[in-house]
């Protein structure tokens, strides 16, 4: 029993470190939204370049010359776009922010539409609430674009990291308490 308790507590050590790192990263992003936003934009641009490289690598598996040519052109386009965005990180940040605003708008409208399909079910009001908040957030981001690029992307990612880290830490601490009390399966 004592060995099992130690193993359950040990199993939460590194995940707790990860949760604290998520919290710290979220706080940094909230405190320094422009700098963190530029970092996010550079990271996404690097991923776009990597996607272009993979398109080029796997173009040979296309099976036909037309497929090979198409994948090669797409790979080159991705790489050119990613390199351009890395060379212009403020433009990348503004571009990703407007995309984020449009995605939020579409997501919010779809959630509101889904609410009407399930409105008779218990708890469906949460979907309507989520849809309305998401649309309002989209309006906030889009109405103030391009100036919202300075804060929107990193602040939203920072809030997400902060909440994720906090909930993980809370869950892991509850797991540790339950393990100490001997109530976990």
N, C-alpha and C. Protein backbone atom coordinates (compact mmCIF):
# COMPACT_ATOMS: atom_id res chain seq x y z
N UNK A 1 0.83 -1.20 0.00
CA UNK A 1 0.00 0.00 0.00
C UNK A 1 0.87 1.25 0.00
N UNK A 2 1.90 1.26 0.84
CA UNK A 2 2.77 2.44 0.91
C UNK A 2 3.51 2.65 -0.39
N UNK A 3 3.95 1.56 -1.02
CA UNK A 3 4.64 1.68 -2.32
C UNK A 3 3.69 2.21 -3.38
N UNK A 4 2.46 1.74 -3.34
CA UNK A 4 1.45 2.20 -4.31
C UNK A 4 1.18 3.69 -4.13
N UNK A 5 1.12 4.17 -2.89
CA UNK A 5 0.91 5.58 -2.59
C UNK A 5 2.07 6.42 -3.12
N UNK A 6 3.29 5.95 -2.90
CA UNK A 6 4.46 6.67 -3.40
C UNK A 6 4.43 6.74 -4.91
N UNK A 7 4.06 5.65 -5.59
CA UNK A 7 4.00 5.64 -7.06
C UNK A 7 2.94 6.61 -7.58
N UNK A 8 1.79 6.67 -6.92
CA UNK A 8 0.74 7.58 -7.35
C UNK A 8 1.16 9.03 -7.16
N UNK A 9 1.86 9.31 -6.07
CA UNK A 9 2.35 10.68 -5.84
C UNK A 9 3.46 11.02 -6.81
N UNK A 10 4.38 10.07 -7.08
CA UNK A 10 5.46 10.32 -8.02
C UNK A 10 4.93 10.56 -9.42
N UNK A 11 3.88 9.89 -9.77
CA UNK A 11 3.30 10.04 -11.10
C UNK A 11 2.76 11.43 -11.37
N UNK A 12 2.66 12.25 -10.34
CA UNK A 12 2.15 13.61 -10.53
C UNK A 12 3.26 14.66 -10.53
N UNK A 13 4.51 14.26 -10.27
CA UNK A 13 5.60 15.23 -10.14
C UNK A 13 5.87 16.04 -11.41
N UNK A 14 6.27 15.35 -12.47
CA UNK A 14 6.57 16.06 -13.72
C UNK A 14 5.34 16.73 -14.33
N UNK A 15 4.17 16.09 -14.31
CA UNK A 15 2.99 16.81 -14.78
C UNK A 15 2.71 18.11 -14.01
N UNK A 16 3.04 18.11 -12.69
CA UNK A 16 2.85 19.35 -11.91
C UNK A 16 3.85 20.41 -12.36
N UNK A 17 5.07 20.00 -12.68
CA UNK A 17 6.06 20.95 -13.20
C UNK A 17 5.55 21.52 -14.52
N UNK A 18 5.01 20.66 -15.38
CA UNK A 18 4.46 21.12 -16.66
C UNK A 18 3.31 22.11 -16.44
N UNK A 19 2.45 21.83 -15.48
CA UNK A 19 1.33 22.72 -15.19
C UNK A 19 1.84 24.09 -14.74
N UNK A 20 2.85 24.11 -13.89
CA UNK A 20 3.41 25.38 -13.43
C UNK A 20 4.06 26.13 -14.59
N UNK A 21 4.75 25.40 -15.49
CA UNK A 21 5.34 26.05 -16.67
C UNK A 21 4.26 26.64 -17.57
N UNK A 22 3.14 25.95 -17.73
CA UNK A 22 2.02 26.50 -18.51
C UNK A 22 1.50 27.79 -17.88
N UNK A 23 1.37 27.78 -16.56
CA UNK A 23 0.89 28.98 -15.85
C UNK A 23 1.87 30.13 -16.07
N UNK A 24 3.16 29.87 -15.91
CA UNK A 24 4.16 30.92 -16.09
C UNK A 24 4.18 31.44 -17.52
N UNK A 25 4.10 30.53 -18.49
CA UNK A 25 4.08 30.96 -19.90
C UNK A 25 2.84 31.81 -20.18
N UNK A 26 1.71 31.41 -19.62
CA UNK A 26 0.48 32.19 -19.80
C UNK A 26 0.61 33.58 -19.21
N UNK A 27 1.20 33.68 -18.02
CA UNK A 27 1.38 34.99 -17.40
C UNK A 27 2.32 35.88 -18.22
N UNK A 28 3.41 35.29 -18.72
CA UNK A 28 4.34 36.07 -19.56
C UNK A 28 3.62 36.59 -20.80
N UNK A 29 2.81 35.74 -21.42
CA UNK A 29 2.10 36.16 -22.64
C UNK A 29 1.09 37.28 -22.34
N UNK A 30 0.47 37.21 -21.19
CA UNK A 30 -0.50 38.24 -20.83
C UNK A 30 0.20 39.55 -20.49
N UNK A 31 1.35 39.47 -19.82
CA UNK A 31 2.08 40.67 -19.42
C UNK A 31 2.81 41.30 -20.61
N UNK A 32 3.31 40.48 -21.53
CA UNK A 32 4.06 40.97 -22.69
C UNK A 32 3.38 40.50 -23.99
N UNK A 33 2.18 41.00 -24.27
CA UNK A 33 1.42 40.44 -25.41
C UNK A 33 2.06 40.70 -26.77
N UNK A 34 2.66 41.86 -26.99
CA UNK A 34 3.24 42.12 -28.31
C UNK A 34 4.45 41.24 -28.55
N UNK A 35 5.34 41.17 -27.57
CA UNK A 35 6.54 40.36 -27.72
C UNK A 35 6.18 38.89 -27.89
N UNK A 36 5.24 38.42 -27.09
CA UNK A 36 4.81 37.02 -27.20
C UNK A 36 4.10 36.79 -28.53
N UNK A 37 3.33 37.78 -28.97
CA UNK A 37 2.65 37.67 -30.26
C UNK A 37 3.62 37.55 -31.41
N UNK A 38 4.70 38.32 -31.37
CA UNK A 38 5.73 38.22 -32.40
C UNK A 38 6.36 36.82 -32.35
N UNK A 39 6.61 36.32 -31.16
CA UNK A 39 7.15 34.96 -31.02
C UNK A 39 6.21 33.92 -31.60
N UNK A 40 4.92 34.06 -31.34
CA UNK A 40 3.92 33.13 -31.90
C UNK A 40 3.93 33.24 -33.42
N UNK A 41 3.97 34.46 -33.94
CA UNK A 41 3.95 34.65 -35.39
C UNK A 41 5.18 34.01 -36.04
N UNK A 42 6.34 34.16 -35.42
CA UNK A 42 7.55 33.54 -35.97
C UNK A 42 7.43 32.02 -35.91
N UNK A 43 6.91 31.50 -34.81
CA UNK A 43 6.75 30.06 -34.66
C UNK A 43 5.79 29.51 -35.72
N UNK A 44 4.65 30.15 -35.93
CA UNK A 44 3.69 29.70 -36.94
C UNK A 44 4.31 29.80 -38.33
N UNK A 45 5.07 30.87 -38.58
CA UNK A 45 5.75 31.01 -39.87
C UNK A 45 6.74 29.88 -40.10
N UNK A 46 7.46 29.50 -39.05
CA UNK A 46 8.41 28.38 -39.16
C UNK A 46 7.67 27.07 -39.45
N UNK A 47 6.50 26.90 -38.85
CA UNK A 47 5.70 25.70 -39.13
C UNK A 47 5.22 25.69 -40.58
N UNK A 48 4.91 26.87 -41.12
CA UNK A 48 4.50 26.95 -42.52
C UNK A 48 5.67 26.55 -43.43
N UNK A 49 6.87 27.00 -43.10
CA UNK A 49 8.05 26.60 -43.87
C UNK A 49 8.25 25.09 -43.77
N UNK A 50 8.12 24.54 -42.58
CA UNK A 50 8.26 23.09 -42.39
C UNK A 50 7.22 22.33 -43.21
N UNK A 51 6.00 22.84 -43.26
CA UNK A 51 4.96 22.20 -44.08
C UNK A 51 5.37 22.21 -45.55
N UNK A 52 5.97 23.31 -45.99
CA UNK A 52 6.46 23.37 -47.37
C UNK A 52 7.54 22.35 -47.64
N UNK A 53 8.44 22.19 -46.69
CA UNK A 53 9.51 21.19 -46.84
C UNK A 53 8.90 19.79 -46.94
N UNK A 54 7.91 19.50 -46.10
CA UNK A 54 7.29 18.18 -46.15
C UNK A 54 6.53 17.97 -47.47
N UNK A 55 5.91 19.01 -47.98
CA UNK A 55 5.26 18.90 -49.29
C UNK A 55 6.29 18.53 -50.35
N UNK A 56 7.45 19.15 -50.30
CA UNK A 56 8.50 18.84 -51.26
C UNK A 56 9.02 17.42 -51.09
N UNK A 57 9.22 17.02 -49.85
CA UNK A 57 9.75 15.68 -49.58
C UNK A 57 8.79 14.61 -50.08
N UNK A 58 7.50 14.79 -49.82
CA UNK A 58 6.52 13.77 -50.18
C UNK A 58 5.92 13.96 -51.57
N UNK A 59 6.39 14.93 -52.31
CA UNK A 59 5.91 15.13 -53.68
C UNK A 59 6.25 13.93 -54.55
N UNK A 60 7.37 13.27 -54.26
CA UNK A 60 7.77 12.12 -55.08
C UNK A 60 6.80 10.95 -54.95
N UNK A 61 6.00 10.93 -53.90
CA UNK A 61 5.03 9.85 -53.70
C UNK A 61 3.69 10.16 -54.33
N UNK A 62 3.62 11.18 -55.16
CA UNK A 62 2.34 11.61 -55.74
C UNK A 62 1.76 10.59 -56.70
N UNK A 63 2.59 9.81 -57.35
CA UNK A 63 2.08 8.78 -58.24
C UNK A 63 1.96 9.19 -59.70
N UNK A 64 1.96 10.48 -59.95
CA UNK A 64 1.89 10.96 -61.34
C UNK A 64 2.68 12.26 -61.43
N UNK A 65 3.02 12.61 -62.66
CA UNK A 65 3.78 13.85 -62.83
C UNK A 65 2.94 15.06 -62.43
N UNK A 66 1.64 15.04 -62.75
CA UNK A 66 0.76 16.14 -62.38
C UNK A 66 0.67 16.31 -60.87
N UNK A 67 0.55 15.19 -60.15
CA UNK A 67 0.50 15.24 -58.70
C UNK A 67 1.82 15.71 -58.12
N UNK A 68 2.92 15.24 -58.72
CA UNK A 68 4.25 15.66 -58.28
C UNK A 68 4.42 17.17 -58.48
N UNK A 69 4.03 17.64 -59.64
CA UNK A 69 4.17 19.07 -59.94
C UNK A 69 3.31 19.91 -59.00
N UNK A 70 2.08 19.47 -58.78
CA UNK A 70 1.16 20.19 -57.89
C UNK A 70 1.71 20.28 -56.47
N UNK A 71 2.16 19.15 -55.92
CA UNK A 71 2.71 19.14 -54.56
C UNK A 71 3.99 19.95 -54.45
N UNK A 72 4.80 19.90 -55.51
CA UNK A 72 6.04 20.68 -55.51
C UNK A 72 5.72 22.17 -55.51
N UNK A 73 4.78 22.59 -56.31
CA UNK A 73 4.40 24.01 -56.36
C UNK A 73 3.80 24.46 -55.03
N UNK A 74 2.97 23.62 -54.44
CA UNK A 74 2.39 23.95 -53.14
C UNK A 74 3.50 24.06 -52.08
N UNK A 75 4.46 23.13 -52.10
CA UNK A 75 5.57 23.18 -51.16
C UNK A 75 6.39 24.45 -51.31
N UNK A 76 6.66 24.83 -52.55
CA UNK A 76 7.41 26.07 -52.80
C UNK A 76 6.62 27.27 -52.33
N UNK A 77 5.31 27.29 -52.58
CA UNK A 77 4.45 28.40 -52.14
C UNK A 77 4.46 28.51 -50.61
N UNK A 78 4.32 27.39 -49.93
CA UNK A 78 4.37 27.41 -48.47
C UNK A 78 5.70 27.98 -47.99
N UNK A 79 6.79 27.52 -48.58
CA UNK A 79 8.11 27.97 -48.13
C UNK A 79 8.30 29.46 -48.39
N UNK A 80 7.89 29.94 -49.54
CA UNK A 80 8.02 31.37 -49.85
C UNK A 80 7.18 32.19 -48.87
N UNK A 81 5.93 31.74 -48.65
CA UNK A 81 5.05 32.45 -47.72
C UNK A 81 5.60 32.46 -46.30
N UNK A 82 6.10 31.32 -45.84
CA UNK A 82 6.65 31.23 -44.50
C UNK A 82 7.90 32.08 -44.33
N UNK A 83 8.76 32.07 -45.33
CA UNK A 83 9.97 32.90 -45.27
C UNK A 83 9.60 34.38 -45.26
N UNK A 84 8.63 34.76 -46.09
CA UNK A 84 8.19 36.16 -46.12
C UNK A 84 7.64 36.58 -44.75
N UNK A 85 6.84 35.70 -44.14
CA UNK A 85 6.26 36.03 -42.84
C UNK A 85 7.32 36.09 -41.74
N UNK A 86 8.33 35.22 -41.81
CA UNK A 86 9.41 35.30 -40.82
C UNK A 86 10.19 36.60 -40.98
N UNK A 87 10.35 37.04 -42.22
CA UNK A 87 11.09 38.28 -42.46
C UNK A 87 10.28 39.52 -42.08
N UNK A 88 8.96 39.36 -41.96
CA UNK A 88 8.06 40.46 -41.59
C UNK A 88 7.15 40.01 -40.45
N UNK A 89 7.69 39.84 -39.25
CA UNK A 89 6.89 39.27 -38.15
C UNK A 89 5.70 40.13 -37.73
N UNK A 90 5.81 41.45 -37.84
CA UNK A 90 4.65 42.30 -37.47
C UNK A 90 3.51 42.08 -38.46
N UNK A 91 3.83 41.95 -39.74
CA UNK A 91 2.81 41.65 -40.74
C UNK A 91 2.21 40.27 -40.48
N UNK A 92 3.06 39.32 -40.13
CA UNK A 92 2.57 37.98 -39.81
C UNK A 92 1.61 38.03 -38.62
N UNK A 93 1.98 38.79 -37.60
CA UNK A 93 1.13 38.92 -36.42
C UNK A 93 -0.22 39.53 -36.78
N UNK A 94 -0.20 40.57 -37.59
CA UNK A 94 -1.46 41.20 -38.02
C UNK A 94 -2.29 40.22 -38.85
N UNK A 95 -1.63 39.47 -39.73
CA UNK A 95 -2.34 38.50 -40.58
C UNK A 95 -2.97 37.39 -39.75
N UNK A 96 -2.20 36.84 -38.83
CA UNK A 96 -2.73 35.76 -37.99
C UNK A 96 -3.84 36.26 -37.09
N UNK A 97 -3.78 37.52 -36.68
CA UNK A 97 -4.83 38.08 -35.82
C UNK A 97 -6.14 38.20 -36.57
N UNK A 98 -6.09 38.65 -37.82
CA UNK A 98 -7.34 38.76 -38.58
C UNK A 98 -7.91 37.38 -38.87
N UNK A 99 -7.05 36.41 -39.12
CA UNK A 99 -7.52 35.04 -39.32
C UNK A 99 -8.18 34.53 -38.04
N UNK A 100 -7.56 34.81 -36.90
CA UNK A 100 -8.13 34.42 -35.61
C UNK A 100 -9.52 35.04 -35.42
N UNK A 101 -9.66 36.32 -35.74
CA UNK A 101 -10.95 36.99 -35.62
C UNK A 101 -12.01 36.36 -36.50
N UNK A 102 -11.66 36.03 -37.73
CA UNK A 102 -12.61 35.41 -38.66
C UNK A 102 -12.98 34.01 -38.17
N UNK A 103 -12.00 33.25 -37.69
CA UNK A 103 -12.29 31.91 -37.16
C UNK A 103 -13.23 32.01 -35.96
N UNK A 104 -12.98 32.96 -35.06
CA UNK A 104 -13.87 33.15 -33.92
C UNK A 104 -15.29 33.50 -34.38
N UNK A 105 -15.39 34.37 -35.37
CA UNK A 105 -16.71 34.77 -35.87
C UNK A 105 -17.46 33.57 -36.43
N UNK A 106 -16.80 32.78 -37.26
CA UNK A 106 -17.45 31.60 -37.84
C UNK A 106 -17.80 30.60 -36.76
N UNK A 107 -16.87 30.36 -35.83
CA UNK A 107 -17.13 29.42 -34.75
C UNK A 107 -18.33 29.87 -33.91
N UNK A 108 -18.38 31.14 -33.57
CA UNK A 108 -19.49 31.65 -32.76
C UNK A 108 -20.83 31.52 -33.46
N UNK A 109 -20.87 31.87 -34.74
CA UNK A 109 -22.12 31.75 -35.50
C UNK A 109 -22.55 30.29 -35.58
N UNK A 110 -21.60 29.38 -35.83
CA UNK A 110 -21.95 27.96 -35.90
C UNK A 110 -22.43 27.43 -34.55
N UNK A 111 -21.85 27.91 -33.46
CA UNK A 111 -22.31 27.48 -32.13
C UNK A 111 -23.72 27.98 -31.86
N UNK A 112 -24.02 29.20 -32.27
CA UNK A 112 -25.38 29.74 -32.09
C UNK A 112 -26.37 28.95 -32.93
N UNK A 113 -25.98 28.62 -34.16
CA UNK A 113 -26.86 27.81 -35.02
C UNK A 113 -27.06 26.42 -34.41
N UNK A 114 -26.00 25.83 -33.85
CA UNK A 114 -26.12 24.51 -33.23
C UNK A 114 -27.03 24.56 -32.01
N UNK A 115 -26.99 25.68 -31.29
CA UNK A 115 -27.87 25.83 -30.13
C UNK A 115 -29.33 25.66 -30.54
N UNK A 116 -29.72 26.26 -31.65
CA UNK A 116 -31.12 26.18 -32.07
C UNK A 116 -31.51 24.75 -32.44
N UNK A 117 -30.54 23.94 -32.82
CA UNK A 117 -30.84 22.55 -33.13
C UNK A 117 -31.01 21.70 -31.87
N UNK A 118 -30.41 22.13 -30.76
CA UNK A 118 -30.47 21.33 -29.53
C UNK A 118 -31.09 22.08 -28.35
N UNK A 119 -31.78 23.18 -28.61
CA UNK A 119 -32.23 24.05 -27.52
C UNK A 119 -33.16 23.37 -26.53
N UNK A 120 -33.78 22.27 -26.90
CA UNK A 120 -34.68 21.59 -25.96
C UNK A 120 -33.91 20.73 -24.96
N UNK A 121 -32.66 20.49 -25.20
CA UNK A 121 -31.87 19.64 -24.31
C UNK A 121 -31.37 20.42 -23.10
N UNK A 122 -31.24 19.72 -21.98
CA UNK A 122 -30.72 20.39 -20.78
C UNK A 122 -29.29 20.86 -20.99
N UNK A 123 -28.99 22.04 -20.53
CA UNK A 123 -27.64 22.58 -20.63
C UNK A 123 -27.32 23.22 -21.97
N UNK A 124 -28.27 23.24 -22.88
CA UNK A 124 -27.99 23.79 -24.21
C UNK A 124 -27.72 25.29 -24.16
N UNK A 125 -28.18 25.94 -23.13
CA UNK A 125 -27.93 27.38 -22.98
C UNK A 125 -26.44 27.70 -22.92
N UNK A 126 -25.63 26.74 -22.44
CA UNK A 126 -24.19 26.96 -22.40
C UNK A 126 -23.61 27.12 -23.79
N UNK A 127 -24.17 26.37 -24.75
CA UNK A 127 -23.69 26.49 -26.12
C UNK A 127 -24.05 27.86 -26.69
N UNK A 128 -25.25 28.33 -26.39
CA UNK A 128 -25.65 29.66 -26.83
C UNK A 128 -24.75 30.71 -26.20
N UNK A 129 -24.50 30.58 -24.90
CA UNK A 129 -23.61 31.51 -24.20
C UNK A 129 -22.22 31.51 -24.83
N UNK A 130 -21.68 30.33 -25.07
CA UNK A 130 -20.36 30.22 -25.68
C UNK A 130 -20.35 30.87 -27.07
N UNK A 131 -21.38 30.64 -27.85
CA UNK A 131 -21.46 31.22 -29.19
C UNK A 131 -21.52 32.74 -29.15
N UNK A 132 -22.30 33.28 -28.24
CA UNK A 132 -22.43 34.74 -28.13
C UNK A 132 -21.11 35.36 -27.68
N UNK A 133 -20.47 34.75 -26.68
CA UNK A 133 -19.18 35.27 -26.20
C UNK A 133 -18.14 35.19 -27.32
N UNK A 134 -18.14 34.11 -28.08
CA UNK A 134 -17.17 33.96 -29.16
C UNK A 134 -17.41 34.99 -30.26
N UNK A 135 -18.66 35.25 -30.60
CA UNK A 135 -18.96 36.29 -31.60
C UNK A 135 -18.53 37.66 -31.08
N UNK A 136 -18.82 37.95 -29.81
CA UNK A 136 -18.40 39.23 -29.24
C UNK A 136 -16.88 39.38 -29.25
N UNK A 137 -16.19 38.31 -28.93
CA UNK A 137 -14.73 38.33 -28.98
C UNK A 137 -14.24 38.56 -30.40
N UNK A 138 -14.87 37.92 -31.37
CA UNK A 138 -14.51 38.13 -32.78
C UNK A 138 -14.72 39.58 -33.18
N UNK A 139 -15.83 40.16 -32.76
CA UNK A 139 -16.11 41.56 -33.07
C UNK A 139 -15.06 42.46 -32.43
N UNK A 140 -14.69 42.16 -31.18
CA UNK A 140 -13.66 42.93 -30.50
C UNK A 140 -12.33 42.88 -31.26
N UNK A 141 -11.94 41.70 -31.70
CA UNK A 141 -10.67 41.54 -32.43
C UNK A 141 -10.75 42.21 -33.79
N UNK A 142 -11.84 41.98 -34.53
CA UNK A 142 -11.94 42.48 -35.91
C UNK A 142 -12.21 43.98 -35.97
N UNK A 143 -13.01 44.50 -35.04
CA UNK A 143 -13.35 45.92 -35.07
C UNK A 143 -12.14 46.80 -34.76
N UNK A 144 -11.19 46.25 -34.02
CA UNK A 144 -10.02 47.03 -33.65
C UNK A 144 -8.78 46.62 -34.44
N UNK A 145 -8.97 45.79 -35.47
CA UNK A 145 -7.83 45.36 -36.27
C UNK A 145 -7.38 46.52 -37.13
N UNK A 146 -6.15 46.80 -37.35
CA UNK A 146 -4.96 46.02 -37.04
C UNK A 146 -4.37 46.28 -35.65
N UNK A 147 -4.90 47.26 -34.92
CA UNK A 147 -4.31 47.53 -33.60
C UNK A 147 -4.52 46.38 -32.63
N UNK A 148 -5.53 45.55 -32.84
CA UNK A 148 -5.74 44.41 -31.96
C UNK A 148 -4.65 43.36 -32.13
N UNK A 149 -3.89 43.46 -33.21
CA UNK A 149 -2.79 42.50 -33.42
C UNK A 149 -1.75 42.61 -32.31
N UNK A 150 -1.65 43.78 -31.71
CA UNK A 150 -0.65 44.00 -30.65
C UNK A 150 -0.96 43.15 -29.42
N UNK A 151 -2.23 42.89 -29.14
CA UNK A 151 -2.58 42.20 -27.91
C UNK A 151 -3.38 40.90 -28.09
N UNK A 152 -4.15 40.78 -29.14
CA UNK A 152 -5.16 39.72 -29.20
C UNK A 152 -4.58 38.31 -29.20
N UNK A 153 -3.69 38.01 -30.11
CA UNK A 153 -3.21 36.64 -30.27
C UNK A 153 -2.53 36.14 -28.99
N UNK A 154 -1.56 36.88 -28.49
CA UNK A 154 -0.81 36.43 -27.31
C UNK A 154 -1.68 36.45 -26.05
N UNK A 155 -2.56 37.42 -25.93
CA UNK A 155 -3.42 37.48 -24.75
C UNK A 155 -4.35 36.27 -24.70
N UNK A 156 -4.93 35.93 -25.84
CA UNK A 156 -5.85 34.79 -25.87
C UNK A 156 -5.10 33.48 -25.64
N UNK A 157 -3.94 33.32 -26.26
CA UNK A 157 -3.14 32.12 -26.01
C UNK A 157 -2.68 32.10 -24.56
N UNK A 158 -2.29 33.26 -24.02
CA UNK A 158 -1.86 33.35 -22.64
C UNK A 158 -2.96 32.96 -21.67
N UNK A 159 -4.16 33.43 -21.91
CA UNK A 159 -5.30 33.07 -21.05
C UNK A 159 -5.54 31.57 -21.13
N UNK A 160 -5.47 31.01 -22.34
CA UNK A 160 -5.66 29.58 -22.51
C UNK A 160 -4.60 28.80 -21.73
N UNK A 161 -3.34 29.20 -21.85
CA UNK A 161 -2.27 28.51 -21.12
C UNK A 161 -2.45 28.65 -19.61
N UNK A 162 -2.83 29.82 -19.16
CA UNK A 162 -3.04 30.06 -17.74
C UNK A 162 -4.16 29.17 -17.20
N UNK A 163 -5.27 29.10 -17.92
CA UNK A 163 -6.39 28.27 -17.48
C UNK A 163 -6.02 26.79 -17.55
N UNK A 164 -5.36 26.38 -18.63
CA UNK A 164 -4.95 24.97 -18.76
C UNK A 164 -4.00 24.58 -17.64
N UNK A 165 -3.01 25.41 -17.38
CA UNK A 165 -2.07 25.10 -16.31
C UNK A 165 -2.72 25.05 -14.95
N UNK A 166 -3.62 26.00 -14.69
CA UNK A 166 -4.31 26.05 -13.40
C UNK A 166 -5.20 24.84 -13.20
N UNK A 167 -5.96 24.47 -14.23
CA UNK A 167 -6.84 23.31 -14.08
C UNK A 167 -6.04 22.01 -13.95
N UNK A 168 -4.94 21.88 -14.69
CA UNK A 168 -4.09 20.70 -14.56
C UNK A 168 -3.50 20.61 -13.17
N UNK A 169 -3.01 21.74 -12.68
CA UNK A 169 -2.41 21.76 -11.35
C UNK A 169 -3.45 21.39 -10.29
N UNK A 170 -4.65 21.95 -10.42
CA UNK A 170 -5.72 21.62 -9.48
C UNK A 170 -6.08 20.15 -9.51
N UNK A 171 -6.17 19.60 -10.72
CA UNK A 171 -6.48 18.17 -10.86
C UNK A 171 -5.39 17.31 -10.24
N UNK A 172 -4.14 17.64 -10.52
CA UNK A 172 -3.02 16.85 -10.00
C UNK A 172 -2.92 16.95 -8.47
N UNK A 173 -3.19 18.13 -7.94
CA UNK A 173 -3.16 18.29 -6.48
C UNK A 173 -4.28 17.48 -5.85
N UNK A 174 -5.46 17.48 -6.47
CA UNK A 174 -6.58 16.67 -5.96
C UNK A 174 -6.23 15.19 -6.04
N UNK A 175 -5.55 14.79 -7.12
CA UNK A 175 -5.13 13.40 -7.27
C UNK A 175 -4.15 13.01 -6.16
N UNK A 176 -3.22 13.91 -5.86
CA UNK A 176 -2.25 13.64 -4.79
C UNK A 176 -2.96 13.51 -3.44
N UNK A 177 -3.93 14.41 -3.18
CA UNK A 177 -4.66 14.33 -1.91
C UNK A 177 -5.45 13.03 -1.82
N UNK A 178 -6.07 12.65 -2.94
CA UNK A 178 -6.85 11.41 -2.94
C UNK A 178 -5.92 10.21 -2.76
N UNK A 179 -4.74 10.25 -3.37
CA UNK A 179 -3.78 9.15 -3.22
C UNK A 179 -3.32 9.04 -1.76
N UNK A 180 -3.10 10.19 -1.13
CA UNK A 180 -2.66 10.19 0.27
C UNK A 180 -3.76 9.66 1.18
N UNK A 181 -5.01 9.93 0.81
CA UNK A 181 -6.13 9.46 1.62
C UNK A 181 -6.50 8.01 1.30
N UNK A 182 -5.93 7.50 0.20
CA UNK A 182 -6.20 6.11 -0.19
C UNK A 182 -7.53 5.94 -0.90
N UNK A 183 -8.06 7.00 -1.53
CA UNK A 183 -9.36 6.90 -2.18
C UNK A 183 -9.28 6.83 -3.70
N UNK A 184 -8.08 6.73 -4.28
CA UNK A 184 -7.99 6.61 -5.73
C UNK A 184 -8.00 5.14 -6.11
N UNK A 185 -8.50 4.84 -7.30
CA UNK A 185 -8.58 3.43 -7.73
C UNK A 185 -7.20 2.86 -8.01
